[in-house]
PDB file of N, CA and C in Angstrom:
ATOM      1  N   UNK A   1      14.513  -5.106  14.218  1.00  0.00           N
ATOM      2  CA  UNK A   1      13.514  -5.066  13.156  1.00  0.00           C
ATOM      3  C   UNK A   1      13.437  -3.653  12.591  1.00  0.00           C
ATOM      4  N   UNK A   2      13.414  -3.532  11.302  1.00  0.00           N
ATOM      5  CA  UNK A   2      13.248  -2.253  10.628  1.00  0.00           C
ATOM      6  C   UNK A   2      11.767  -1.948  10.516  1.00  0.00           C
ATOM      7  N   UNK A   3      11.359  -0.728  10.832  1.00  0.00           N
ATOM      8  CA  UNK A   3       9.940  -0.398  10.662  1.00  0.00           C
ATOM      9  C   UNK A   3       9.521  -0.570   9.208  1.00  0.00           C
ATOM     10  N   UNK A   4       8.348  -1.102   9.021  1.00  0.00           N
ATOM     11  CA  UNK A   4       7.839  -1.316   7.666  1.00  0.00           C
ATOM     12  C   UNK A   4       7.528   0.028   7.022  1.00  0.00           C
ATOM     13  N   UNK A   5       7.862   0.137   5.776  1.00  0.00           N
ATOM     14  CA  UNK A   5       7.557   1.293   4.967  1.00  0.00           C
ATOM     15  C   UNK A   5       7.461   0.834   3.527  1.00  0.00           C
ATOM     16  N   UNK A   6       7.011   1.700   2.666  1.00  0.00           N
ATOM     17  CA  UNK A   6       6.786   1.300   1.269  1.00  0.00           C
ATOM     18  C   UNK A   6       8.063   0.918   0.538  1.00  0.00           C
ATOM     19  N   UNK A   7       9.227   1.388   1.017  1.00  0.00           N
ATOM     20  CA  UNK A   7      10.490   1.071   0.346  1.00  0.00           C
ATOM     21  C   UNK A   7      11.197  -0.139   0.947  1.00  0.00           C
ATOM     22  N   UNK A   8      10.704  -0.650   2.081  1.00  0.00           N
ATOM     23  CA  UNK A   8      11.357  -1.793   2.704  1.00  0.00           C
ATOM     24  C   UNK A   8      11.104  -3.054   1.890  1.00  0.00           C
ATOM     25  N   UNK A   9      11.987  -4.024   2.065  1.00  0.00           N
ATOM     26  CA  UNK A   9      11.917  -5.291   1.324  1.00  0.00           C
ATOM     27  C   UNK A   9      11.822  -6.440   2.332  1.00  0.00           C
ATOM     28  N   UNK A  10      10.608  -6.762   2.740  1.00  0.00           N
ATOM     29  CA  UNK A  10      10.447  -7.807   3.754  1.00  0.00           C
ATOM     30  C   UNK A  10      10.691  -9.205   3.197  1.00  0.00           C
ATOM     31  N   UNK A  11      11.115 -10.095   4.093  1.00  0.00           N
ATOM     32  CA  UNK A  11      11.297 -11.509   3.768  1.00  0.00           C
ATOM     33  C   UNK A  11      10.738 -12.320   4.936  1.00  0.00           C
ATOM     34  N   UNK A  12      10.469 -13.578   4.680  1.00  0.00           N
ATOM     35  CA  UNK A  12       9.970 -14.454   5.733  1.00  0.00           C
ATOM     36  C   UNK A  12      11.040 -14.547   6.815  1.00  0.00           C
ATOM     37  N   UNK A  13      10.618 -14.421   8.067  1.00  0.00           N
ATOM     38  CA  UNK A  13      11.546 -14.418   9.188  1.00  0.00           C
ATOM     39  C   UNK A  13      12.256 -15.748   9.395  1.00  0.00           C
ATOM     40  N   UNK A  14      13.398 -15.679  10.033  1.00  0.00           N
ATOM     41  CA  UNK A  14      14.188 -16.858  10.356  1.00  0.00           C
ATOM     42  C   UNK A  14      13.362 -17.797  11.232  1.00  0.00           C
ATOM     43  N   UNK A  15      13.376 -19.061  10.884  1.00  0.00           N
ATOM     44  CA  UNK A  15      12.642 -20.053  11.652  1.00  0.00           C
ATOM     45  C   UNK A  15      11.232 -20.303  11.157  1.00  0.00           C
ATOM     46  N   UNK A  16      10.800 -19.539  10.163  1.00  0.00           N
ATOM     47  CA  UNK A  16       9.468 -19.705   9.591  1.00  0.00           C
ATOM     48  C   UNK A  16       9.584 -20.202   8.155  1.00  0.00           C
ATOM     49  N   UNK A  17       8.600 -20.942   7.718  1.00  0.00           N
ATOM     50  CA  UNK A  17       8.547 -21.396   6.321  1.00  0.00           C
ATOM     51  C   UNK A  17       7.114 -21.260   5.830  1.00  0.00           C
ATOM     52  N   UNK A  18       6.954 -20.607   4.706  1.00  0.00           N
ATOM     53  CA  UNK A  18       5.643 -20.431   4.083  1.00  0.00           C
ATOM     54  C   UNK A  18       5.445 -21.526   3.058  1.00  0.00           C
ATOM     55  N   UNK A  19       4.303 -22.190   3.091  1.00  0.00           N
ATOM     56  CA  UNK A  19       4.001 -23.190   2.069  1.00  0.00           C
ATOM     57  C   UNK A  19       2.498 -23.328   1.894  1.00  0.00           C
ATOM     58  N   UNK A  20       2.116 -23.855   0.733  1.00  0.00           N
ATOM     59  CA  UNK A  20       0.721 -24.186   0.454  1.00  0.00           C
ATOM     60  C   UNK A  20       0.439 -25.536   1.097  1.00  0.00           C
ATOM     61  N   UNK A  21      -0.631 -25.623   1.838  1.00  0.00           N
ATOM     62  CA  UNK A  21      -1.004 -26.858   2.509  1.00  0.00           C
ATOM     63  C   UNK A  21      -2.334 -27.348   1.943  1.00  0.00           C
ATOM     64  N   UNK A  22      -2.306 -28.360   1.069  1.00  0.00           N
ATOM     65  CA  UNK A  22      -3.546 -28.848   0.456  1.00  0.00           C
ATOM     66  C   UNK A  22      -4.598 -29.285   1.474  1.00  0.00           C
ATOM     67  N   UNK A  23      -4.166 -29.902   2.567  1.00  0.00           N
ATOM     68  CA  UNK A  23      -5.129 -30.361   3.578  1.00  0.00           C
ATOM     69  C   UNK A  23      -5.871 -29.195   4.216  1.00  0.00           C
ATOM     70  N   UNK A  24      -5.209 -28.052   4.311  1.00  0.00           N
ATOM     71  CA  UNK A  24      -5.834 -26.851   4.884  1.00  0.00           C
ATOM     72  C   UNK A  24      -6.488 -25.995   3.798  1.00  0.00           C
ATOM     73  N   UNK A  25      -6.170 -26.290   2.540  1.00  0.00           N
ATOM     74  CA  UNK A  25      -6.619 -25.495   1.398  1.00  0.00           C
ATOM     75  C   UNK A  25      -6.243 -24.018   1.565  1.00  0.00           C
ATOM     76  N   UNK A  26      -5.030 -23.807   2.065  1.00  0.00           N
ATOM     77  CA  UNK A  26      -4.552 -22.443   2.277  1.00  0.00           C
ATOM     78  C   UNK A  26      -3.039 -22.453   2.451  1.00  0.00           C
ATOM     79  N   UNK A  27      -2.480 -21.257   2.403  1.00  0.00           N
ATOM     80  CA  UNK A  27      -1.076 -21.112   2.763  1.00  0.00           C
ATOM     81  C   UNK A  27      -0.984 -21.212   4.281  1.00  0.00           C
ATOM     82  N   UNK A  28       0.130 -21.765   4.736  1.00  0.00           N
ATOM     83  CA  UNK A  28       0.404 -21.836   6.166  1.00  0.00           C
ATOM     84  C   UNK A  28       1.823 -21.344   6.407  1.00  0.00           C
ATOM     85  N   UNK A  29       2.038 -20.859   7.595  1.00  0.00           N
ATOM     86  CA  UNK A  29       3.354 -20.436   8.032  1.00  0.00           C
ATOM     87  C   UNK A  29       3.782 -21.430   9.101  1.00  0.00           C
ATOM     88  N   UNK A  30       4.802 -22.214   8.780  1.00  0.00           N
ATOM     89  CA  UNK A  30       5.282 -23.247   9.701  1.00  0.00           C
ATOM     90  C   UNK A  30       6.436 -22.711  10.521  1.00  0.00           C
ATOM     91  N   UNK A  31       6.497 -23.122  11.782  1.00  0.00           N
ATOM     92  CA  UNK A  31       7.602 -22.792  12.662  1.00  0.00           C
ATOM     93  C   UNK A  31       7.763 -23.957  13.634  1.00  0.00           C
ATOM     94  N   UNK A  32       8.891 -24.045  14.344  1.00  0.00           N
ATOM     95  CA  UNK A  32       9.150 -25.236  15.149  1.00  0.00           C
ATOM     96  C   UNK A  32       8.043 -25.596  16.150  1.00  0.00           C
ATOM     97  N   UNK A  33       7.369 -24.621  16.698  1.00  0.00           N
ATOM     98  CA  UNK A  33       6.348 -24.888  17.699  1.00  0.00           C
ATOM     99  C   UNK A  33       4.959 -25.120  17.116  1.00  0.00           C
ATOM    100  N   UNK A  34       4.781 -24.930  15.813  1.00  0.00           N
ATOM    101  CA  UNK A  34       3.450 -25.108  15.263  1.00  0.00           C
ATOM    102  C   UNK A  34       3.261 -24.557  13.870  1.00  0.00           C
ATOM    103  N   UNK A  35       2.037 -24.086  13.643  1.00  0.00           N
ATOM    104  CA  UNK A  35       1.643 -23.649  12.310  1.00  0.00           C
ATOM    105  C   UNK A  35       0.590 -22.547  12.446  1.00  0.00           C
ATOM    106  N   UNK A  36       0.654 -21.586  11.535  1.00  0.00           N
ATOM    107  CA  UNK A  36      -0.365 -20.543  11.443  1.00  0.00           C
ATOM    108  C   UNK A  36      -1.068 -20.726  10.110  1.00  0.00           C
ATOM    109  N   UNK A  37      -2.363 -20.955  10.138  1.00  0.00           N
ATOM    110  CA  UNK A  37      -3.152 -21.034   8.905  1.00  0.00           C
ATOM    111  C   UNK A  37      -3.483 -19.608   8.491  1.00  0.00           C
ATOM    112  N   UNK A  38      -3.163 -19.267   7.261  1.00  0.00           N
ATOM    113  CA  UNK A  38      -3.340 -17.908   6.767  1.00  0.00           C
ATOM    114  C   UNK A  38      -4.596 -17.790   5.922  1.00  0.00           C
ATOM    115  N   UNK A  39      -5.249 -16.643   6.021  1.00  0.00           N
ATOM    116  CA  UNK A  39      -6.354 -16.399   5.099  1.00  0.00           C
ATOM    117  C   UNK A  39      -5.767 -16.053   3.733  1.00  0.00           C
ATOM    118  N   UNK A  40      -6.601 -15.959   2.722  1.00  0.00           N
ATOM    119  CA  UNK A  40      -6.122 -15.740   1.361  1.00  0.00           C
ATOM    120  C   UNK A  40      -5.295 -14.463   1.239  1.00  0.00           C
ATOM    121  N   UNK A  41      -5.771 -13.383   1.830  1.00  0.00           N
ATOM    122  CA  UNK A  41      -5.052 -12.105   1.723  1.00  0.00           C
ATOM    123  C   UNK A  41      -3.660 -12.207   2.331  1.00  0.00           C
ATOM    124  N   UNK A  42      -3.574 -12.781   3.517  1.00  0.00           N
ATOM    125  CA  UNK A  42      -2.275 -12.921   4.187  1.00  0.00           C
ATOM    126  C   UNK A  42      -1.330 -13.784   3.372  1.00  0.00           C
ATOM    127  N   UNK A  43      -1.835 -14.880   2.836  1.00  0.00           N
ATOM    128  CA  UNK A  43      -1.014 -15.759   2.014  1.00  0.00           C
ATOM    129  C   UNK A  43      -0.497 -15.057   0.768  1.00  0.00           C
ATOM    130  N   UNK A  44      -1.368 -14.278   0.125  1.00  0.00           N
ATOM    131  CA  UNK A  44      -0.964 -13.558  -1.087  1.00  0.00           C
ATOM    132  C   UNK A  44       0.122 -12.532  -0.781  1.00  0.00           C
ATOM    133  N   UNK A  45       0.026 -11.879   0.367  1.00  0.00           N
ATOM    134  CA  UNK A  45       1.053 -10.901   0.744  1.00  0.00           C
ATOM    135  C   UNK A  45       2.355 -11.623   1.079  1.00  0.00           C
ATOM    136  N   UNK A  46       2.286 -12.617   1.965  1.00  0.00           N
ATOM    137  CA  UNK A  46       3.509 -13.271   2.424  1.00  0.00           C
ATOM    138  C   UNK A  46       4.246 -14.001   1.310  1.00  0.00           C
ATOM    139  N   UNK A  47       3.535 -14.569   0.350  1.00  0.00           N
ATOM    140  CA  UNK A  47       4.252 -15.278  -0.709  1.00  0.00           C
ATOM    141  C   UNK A  47       5.050 -14.331  -1.599  1.00  0.00           C
ATOM    142  N   UNK A  48       4.785 -13.047  -1.503  1.00  0.00           N
ATOM    143  CA  UNK A  48       5.536 -12.049  -2.265  1.00  0.00           C
ATOM    144  C   UNK A  48       6.671 -11.427  -1.438  1.00  0.00           C
ATOM    145  N   UNK A  49       6.739 -11.770  -0.167  1.00  0.00           N
ATOM    146  CA  UNK A  49       7.776 -11.221   0.717  1.00  0.00           C
ATOM    147  C   UNK A  49       9.028 -12.079   0.603  1.00  0.00           C
ATOM    148  N   UNK A  50       9.829 -11.789  -0.403  1.00  0.00           N
ATOM    149  CA  UNK A  50      10.998 -12.598  -0.726  1.00  0.00           C
ATOM    150  C   UNK A  50      12.318 -11.866  -0.487  1.00  0.00           C
ATOM    151  N   UNK A  51      12.257 -10.674   0.103  1.00  0.00           N
ATOM    152  CA  UNK A  51      13.461  -9.897   0.327  1.00  0.00           C
ATOM    153  C   UNK A  51      13.933  -9.134  -0.896  1.00  0.00           C
ATOM    154  N   UNK A  52      13.285  -9.357  -2.028  1.00  0.00           N
ATOM    155  CA  UNK A  52      13.630  -8.670  -3.270  1.00  0.00           C
ATOM    156  C   UNK A  52      12.630  -7.570  -3.602  1.00  0.00           C
ATOM    157  N   UNK A  53      11.354  -7.838  -3.355  1.00  0.00           N
ATOM    158  CA  UNK A  53      10.295  -6.880  -3.672  1.00  0.00           C
ATOM    159  C   UNK A  53      10.111  -5.897  -2.508  1.00  0.00           C
ATOM    160  N   UNK A  54       9.907  -4.646  -2.852  1.00  0.00           N
ATOM    161  CA  UNK A  54       9.561  -3.647  -1.839  1.00  0.00           C
ATOM    162  C   UNK A  54       8.074  -3.782  -1.518  1.00  0.00           C
ATOM    163  N   UNK A  55       7.669  -3.203  -0.419  1.00  0.00           N
ATOM    164  CA  UNK A  55       6.246  -3.207  -0.072  1.00  0.00           C
ATOM    165  C   UNK A  55       5.451  -2.538  -1.183  1.00  0.00           C
ATOM    166  N   UNK A  56       5.985  -1.460  -1.761  1.00  0.00           N
ATOM    167  CA  UNK A  56       5.299  -0.779  -2.868  1.00  0.00           C
ATOM    168  C   UNK A  56       5.111  -1.717  -4.055  1.00  0.00           C
ATOM    169  N   UNK A  57       6.135  -2.523  -4.361  1.00  0.00           N
ATOM    170  CA  UNK A  57       6.025  -3.477  -5.474  1.00  0.00           C
ATOM    171  C   UNK A  57       5.003  -4.565  -5.155  1.00  0.00           C
ATOM    172  N   UNK A  58       4.980  -5.011  -3.906  1.00  0.00           N
ATOM    173  CA  UNK A  58       3.996  -6.017  -3.496  1.00  0.00           C
ATOM    174  C   UNK A  58       2.590  -5.464  -3.660  1.00  0.00           C
ATOM    175  N   UNK A  59       2.380  -4.239  -3.231  1.00  0.00           N
ATOM    176  CA  UNK A  59       1.063  -3.599  -3.378  1.00  0.00           C
ATOM    177  C   UNK A  59       0.685  -3.533  -4.857  1.00  0.00           C
ATOM    178  N   UNK A  60       1.616  -3.095  -5.701  1.00  0.00           N
ATOM    179  CA  UNK A  60       1.334  -2.975  -7.131  1.00  0.00           C
ATOM    180  C   UNK A  60       0.970  -4.328  -7.733  1.00  0.00           C
ATOM    181  N   UNK A  61       1.696  -5.381  -7.352  1.00  0.00           N
ATOM    182  CA  UNK A  61       1.393  -6.723  -7.862  1.00  0.00           C
ATOM    183  C   UNK A  61       0.007  -7.184  -7.421  1.00  0.00           C
ATOM    184  N   UNK A  62      -0.315  -6.956  -6.163  1.00  0.00           N
ATOM    185  CA  UNK A  62      -1.622  -7.378  -5.653  1.00  0.00           C
ATOM    186  C   UNK A  62      -2.754  -6.611  -6.330  1.00  0.00           C
ATOM    187  N   UNK A  63      -2.566  -5.309  -6.505  1.00  0.00           N
ATOM    188  CA  UNK A  63      -3.604  -4.507  -7.159  1.00  0.00           C
ATOM    189  C   UNK A  63      -3.813  -4.962  -8.599  1.00  0.00           C
ATOM    190  N   UNK A  64      -2.725  -5.326  -9.279  1.00  0.00           N
ATOM    191  CA  UNK A  64      -2.845  -5.823 -10.657  1.00  0.00           C
ATOM    192  C   UNK A  64      -3.491  -7.205 -10.681  1.00  0.00           C
ATOM    193  N   UNK A  65      -3.071  -8.078  -9.777  1.00  0.00           N
ATOM    194  CA  UNK A  65      -3.578  -9.452  -9.758  1.00  0.00           C
ATOM    195  C   UNK A  65      -5.063  -9.521  -9.444  1.00  0.00           C
ATOM    196  N   UNK A  66      -5.532  -8.598  -8.607  1.00  0.00           N
ATOM    197  CA  UNK A  66      -6.929  -8.648  -8.177  1.00  0.00           C
ATOM    198  C   UNK A  66      -7.762  -7.492  -8.704  1.00  0.00           C
ATOM    199  N   UNK A  67      -7.212  -6.774  -9.692  1.00  0.00           N
ATOM    200  CA  UNK A  67      -7.928  -5.679 -10.364  1.00  0.00           C
ATOM    201  C   UNK A  67      -8.613  -4.746  -9.376  1.00  0.00           C
ATOM    202  N   UNK A  68      -7.815  -4.239  -8.439  1.00  0.00           N
ATOM    203  CA  UNK A  68      -8.343  -3.319  -7.441  1.00  0.00           C
ATOM    204  C   UNK A  68      -7.285  -2.272  -7.134  1.00  0.00           C
ATOM    205  N   UNK A  69      -7.633  -1.308  -6.334  1.00  0.00           N
ATOM    206  CA  UNK A  69      -6.698  -0.266  -5.945  1.00  0.00           C
ATOM    207  C   UNK A  69      -6.841   0.055  -4.474  1.00  0.00           C
ATOM    208  N   UNK A  70      -5.958   0.915  -3.999  1.00  0.00           N
ATOM    209  CA  UNK A  70      -6.052   1.379  -2.626  1.00  0.00           C
ATOM    210  C   UNK A  70      -5.661   0.370  -1.562  1.00  0.00           C
ATOM    211  N   UNK A  71      -4.784  -0.567  -1.900  1.00  0.00           N
ATOM    212  CA  UNK A  71      -4.393  -1.587  -0.930  1.00  0.00           C
ATOM    213  C   UNK A  71      -3.209  -1.175  -0.059  1.00  0.00           C
ATOM    214  N   UNK A  72      -2.623  -0.026  -0.323  1.00  0.00           N
ATOM    215  CA  UNK A  72      -1.420   0.419   0.388  1.00  0.00           C
ATOM    216  C   UNK A  72      -1.553   0.294   1.902  1.00  0.00           C
ATOM    217  N   UNK A  73      -2.586   0.894   2.446  1.00  0.00           N
ATOM    218  CA  UNK A  73      -2.755   0.919   3.900  1.00  0.00           C
ATOM    219  C   UNK A  73      -2.932  -0.460   4.499  1.00  0.00           C
ATOM    220  N   UNK A  74      -3.739  -1.297   3.853  1.00  0.00           N
ATOM    221  CA  UNK A  74      -3.980  -2.641   4.376  1.00  0.00           C
ATOM    222  C   UNK A  74      -2.715  -3.499   4.322  1.00  0.00           C
ATOM    223  N   UNK A  75      -1.992  -3.423   3.210  1.00  0.00           N
ATOM    224  CA  UNK A  75      -0.766  -4.222   3.078  1.00  0.00           C
ATOM    225  C   UNK A  75       0.274  -3.744   4.081  1.00  0.00           C
ATOM    226  N   UNK A  76       0.448  -2.452   4.202  1.00  0.00           N
ATOM    227  CA  UNK A  76       1.427  -1.912   5.138  1.00  0.00           C
ATOM    228  C   UNK A  76       1.065  -2.296   6.573  1.00  0.00           C
ATOM    229  N   UNK A  77      -0.194  -2.221   6.925  1.00  0.00           N
ATOM    230  CA  UNK A  77      -0.624  -2.613   8.276  1.00  0.00           C
ATOM    231  C   UNK A  77      -0.335  -4.087   8.536  1.00  0.00           C
ATOM    232  N   UNK A  78      -0.602  -4.945   7.540  1.00  0.00           N
ATOM    233  CA  UNK A  78      -0.328  -6.363   7.711  1.00  0.00           C
ATOM    234  C   UNK A  78       1.169  -6.619   7.847  1.00  0.00           C
ATOM    235  N   UNK A  79       1.976  -5.981   7.007  1.00  0.00           N
ATOM    236  CA  UNK A  79       3.425  -6.169   7.052  1.00  0.00           C
ATOM    237  C   UNK A  79       3.967  -5.730   8.417  1.00  0.00           C
ATOM    238  N   UNK A  80       3.462  -4.628   8.946  1.00  0.00           N
ATOM    239  CA  UNK A  80       3.903  -4.174  10.267  1.00  0.00           C
ATOM    240  C   UNK A  80       3.534  -5.183  11.346  1.00  0.00           C
ATOM    241  N   UNK A  81       2.301  -5.699  11.297  1.00  0.00           N
ATOM    242  CA  UNK A  81       1.859  -6.699  12.262  1.00  0.00           C
ATOM    243  C   UNK A  81       2.687  -7.984  12.130  1.00  0.00           C
ATOM    244  N   UNK A  82       2.909  -8.429  10.902  1.00  0.00           N
ATOM    245  CA  UNK A  82       3.700  -9.637  10.669  1.00  0.00           C
ATOM    246  C   UNK A  82       5.131  -9.446  11.167  1.00  0.00           C
ATOM    247  N   UNK A  83       5.657  -8.248  11.058  1.00  0.00           N
ATOM    248  CA  UNK A  83       6.991  -7.960  11.597  1.00  0.00           C
ATOM    249  C   UNK A  83       7.020  -8.068  13.109  1.00  0.00           C
ATOM    250  N   UNK A  84       5.988  -7.573  13.759  1.00  0.00           N
ATOM    251  CA  UNK A  84       5.915  -7.665  15.227  1.00  0.00           C
ATOM    252  C   UNK A  84       5.815  -9.120  15.683  1.00  0.00           C
ATOM    253  N   UNK A  85       5.200  -9.959  14.853  1.00  0.00           N
ATOM    254  CA  UNK A  85       5.084 -11.387  15.164  1.00  0.00           C
ATOM    255  C   UNK A  85       6.347 -12.156  14.771  1.00  0.00           C
ATOM    256  N   UNK A  86       7.306 -11.455  14.150  1.00  0.00           N
ATOM    257  CA  UNK A  86       8.549 -12.019  13.628  1.00  0.00           C
ATOM    258  C   UNK A  86       8.336 -12.960  12.451  1.00  0.00           C
ATOM    259  N   UNK A  87       7.140 -12.880  11.844  1.00  0.00           N
ATOM    260  CA  UNK A  87       6.894 -13.641  10.620  1.00  0.00           C
ATOM    261  C   UNK A  87       7.722 -13.061   9.479  1.00  0.00           C
ATOM    262  N   UNK A  88       7.983 -11.761   9.560  1.00  0.00           N
ATOM    263  CA  UNK A  88       8.759 -11.063   8.529  1.00  0.00           C
ATOM    264  C   UNK A  88       9.977 -10.419   9.159  1.00  0.00           C
ATOM    265  N   UNK A  89      11.007 -10.268   8.351  1.00  0.00           N
ATOM    266  CA  UNK A  89      12.221  -9.582   8.761  1.00  0.00           C
ATOM    267  C   UNK A  89      12.713  -8.735   7.603  1.00  0.00           C
ATOM    268  N   UNK A  90      13.659  -7.857   7.896  1.00  0.00           N
ATOM    269  CA  UNK A  90      14.252  -6.993   6.887  1.00  0.00           C
ATOM    270  C   UNK A  90      15.754  -7.102   7.028  1.00  0.00           C
ATOM    271  N   UNK A  91      16.439  -7.162   5.901  1.00  0.00           N
ATOM    272  CA  UNK A  91      17.917  -7.247   5.939  1.00  0.00           C
ATOM    273  C   UNK A  91      18.520  -5.893   6.182  1.00  0.00           C
TER     274      UNK A  91
END
């Protein structure tokens, strides 16, 4: 696993699938052993983790989408945690 940084380009980890689940009214992360129900913030971050966008680009998109600033630290902390859980990977 590559340490998360603003220039890294995270993607959903192997064996996981992100999808919107109407019954849960939230994004979920599916894997062979089960499912993780995500809160809105986590879902918004993970749906942008496509291996193409850098963490900096994800932060910029989120700040624009929600008309706020200063999300760098929170997004980076989440991406690092998601990497430790193997929800995210880096090529």
